[in-house]
C-alpha atoms as a PDB file:
ATOM      1  CA  MET A   1      16.725  -5.582   4.047  1.00  0.00           C
ATOM      2  CA  ALA A   2      16.524  -2.232   2.273  1.00  0.00           C
ATOM      3  CA  ARG A   3      13.822   0.175   3.340  1.00  0.00           C
ATOM      4  CA  PRO A   4      11.224   1.031   0.714  1.00  0.00           C
ATOM      5  CA  THR A   5      11.396   4.540  -0.722  1.00  0.00           C
ATOM      6  CA  HIS A   6       7.609   4.876  -0.801  1.00  0.00           C
ATOM      7  CA  TYR A   7       4.856   4.486   1.772  1.00  0.00           C
ATOM      8  CA  VAL A   8       3.847   0.876   2.408  1.00  0.00           C
ATOM      9  CA  PRO A   9       0.628   0.723   4.432  1.00  0.00           C
ATOM     10  CA  THR A  10      -0.037  -2.129   6.822  1.00  0.00           C
ATOM     11  CA  ILE A  11      -3.308  -4.015   6.421  1.00  0.00           C
ATOM     12  CA  SER A  12      -4.776  -5.659   9.521  1.00  0.00           C
ATOM     13  CA  ARG A  13      -4.477  -9.444   9.740  1.00  0.00           C
ATOM     14  CA  PRO A  14      -8.263 -10.039   9.812  1.00  0.00           C
ATOM     15  CA  VAL A  15      -8.696  -8.012   6.604  1.00  0.00           C
ATOM     16  CA  VAL A  16      -5.833  -9.929   4.984  1.00  0.00           C
ATOM     17  CA  ALA A  17      -7.627 -13.154   5.909  1.00  0.00           C
ATOM     18  CA  VAL A  18     -10.843 -11.910   4.274  1.00  0.00           C
ATOM     19  CA  LEU A  19      -8.925 -10.893   1.151  1.00  0.00           C
ATOM     20  CA  PHE A  20      -7.198 -14.266   1.028  1.00  0.00           C
ATOM     21  CA  HIS A  21     -10.457 -16.232   1.207  1.00  0.00           C
ATOM     22  CA  GLU A  22     -12.251 -13.964  -1.255  1.00  0.00           C
ATOM     23  CA  ALA A  23      -9.375 -14.208  -3.745  1.00  0.00           C
ATOM     24  CA  GLN A  24      -9.472 -17.997  -3.436  1.00  0.00           C
ATOM     25  CA  ARG A  25     -13.236 -17.995  -3.982  1.00  0.00           C
ATOM     26  CA  ARG A  26     -12.858 -15.859  -7.111  1.00  0.00           C
ATOM     27  CA  ARG A  27      -9.775 -17.830  -8.218  1.00  0.00           C
ATOM     28  CA  ILE A  28      -7.664 -14.735  -8.763  1.00  0.00           C
ATOM     29  CA  PRO A  29      -4.437 -13.563  -7.093  1.00  0.00           C
ATOM     30  CA  MET A  30      -4.962 -11.582  -3.907  1.00  0.00           C
ATOM     31  CA  THR A  31      -3.034  -8.636  -5.336  1.00  0.00           C
ATOM     32  CA  ARG A  32      -5.389  -8.448  -8.315  1.00  0.00           C
ATOM     33  CA  LEU A  33      -8.413  -8.557  -5.990  1.00  0.00           C
ATOM     34  CA  VAL A  34      -7.027  -5.723  -3.841  1.00  0.00           C
ATOM     35  CA  ASP A  35      -6.201  -3.666  -6.921  1.00  0.00           C
ATOM     36  CA  ARG A  36      -9.729  -4.117  -8.312  1.00  0.00           C
ATOM     37  CA  LEU A  37     -11.436  -3.340  -5.011  1.00  0.00           C
ATOM     38  CA  LEU A  38      -9.408  -0.194  -4.438  1.00  0.00           C
ATOM     39  CA  SER A  39      -9.660   0.991  -8.045  1.00  0.00           C
ATOM     40  CA  ASP A  40     -13.420   0.435  -8.130  1.00  0.00           C
ATOM     41  CA  SER A  41     -13.980   2.313  -4.880  1.00  0.00           C
ATOM     42  CA  LEU A  42     -11.595   5.212  -5.600  1.00  0.00           C
ATOM     43  CA  ARG A  43     -12.148   5.803  -9.328  1.00  0.00           C
ATOM     44  CA  GLY A  44     -13.640   9.239  -9.939  1.00  0.00           C
ATOM     45  CA  THR A  45     -12.726  10.636  -6.522  1.00  0.00           C
ATOM     46  CA  PRO A  46     -10.721  13.855  -6.164  1.00  0.00           C
ATOM     47  CA  GLY A  47      -7.719  11.758  -5.085  1.00  0.00           C
ATOM     48  CA  TRP A  48      -7.978   9.612  -8.229  1.00  0.00           C
ATOM     49  CA  GLN A  49      -8.201  12.692 -10.430  1.00  0.00           C
ATOM     50  CA  LYS A  50      -5.165  14.263  -8.770  1.00  0.00           C
ATOM     51  CA  ALA A  51      -3.109  11.068  -9.013  1.00  0.00           C
ATOM     52  CA  SER A  52      -4.108  10.731 -12.694  1.00  0.00           C
ATOM     53  CA  GLN A  53      -2.152  13.908 -13.392  1.00  0.00           C
ATOM     54  CA  ASP A  54       1.047  12.128 -12.325  1.00  0.00           C
ATOM     55  CA  TRP A  55       0.007   8.632 -13.415  1.00  0.00           C
ATOM     56  CA  PRO A  56      -1.821   8.830 -16.780  1.00  0.00           C
ATOM     57  CA  GLU A  57      -1.938   5.036 -16.886  1.00  0.00           C
ATOM     58  CA  LEU A  58      -4.720   5.221 -14.295  1.00  0.00           C
ATOM     59  CA  GLU A  59      -7.102   6.345 -17.023  1.00  0.00           C
ATOM     60  CA  ALA A  60      -5.690   3.793 -19.480  1.00  0.00           C
ATOM     61  CA  GLN A  61      -6.147   1.083 -16.845  1.00  0.00           C
ATOM     62  CA  HIS A  62      -9.753   2.177 -16.342  1.00  0.00           C
ATOM     63  CA  LYS A  63     -10.477   1.848 -20.074  1.00  0.00           C
ATOM     64  CA  GLN A  64      -8.757  -1.563 -20.208  1.00  0.00           C
ATOM     65  CA  ASP A  65     -10.705  -2.792 -17.159  1.00  0.00           C
ATOM     66  CA  GLN A  66     -13.975  -1.783 -18.793  1.00  0.00           C
ATOM     67  CA  GLN A  67     -13.155  -3.847 -21.873  1.00  0.00           C
ATOM     68  CA  VAL A  68     -12.229  -6.938 -19.817  1.00  0.00           C
ATOM     69  CA  ARG A  69     -15.326  -6.940 -17.600  1.00  0.00           C
END
């Protein structure tokens, strides 16, 4: 298998289990749950602002998320 060209963090098994059950409870894919949780907790931080310079879709995603919720 090819090695990824970007950093792929490992999430502990117990946290994955929590994410799995919470995603089932909310009836959404686990990846969408993780994306929402991370976006909600990181939005507005210095790291988010810096990444937004390279990824302008972060701000577009934020505006789209606000309209959906």
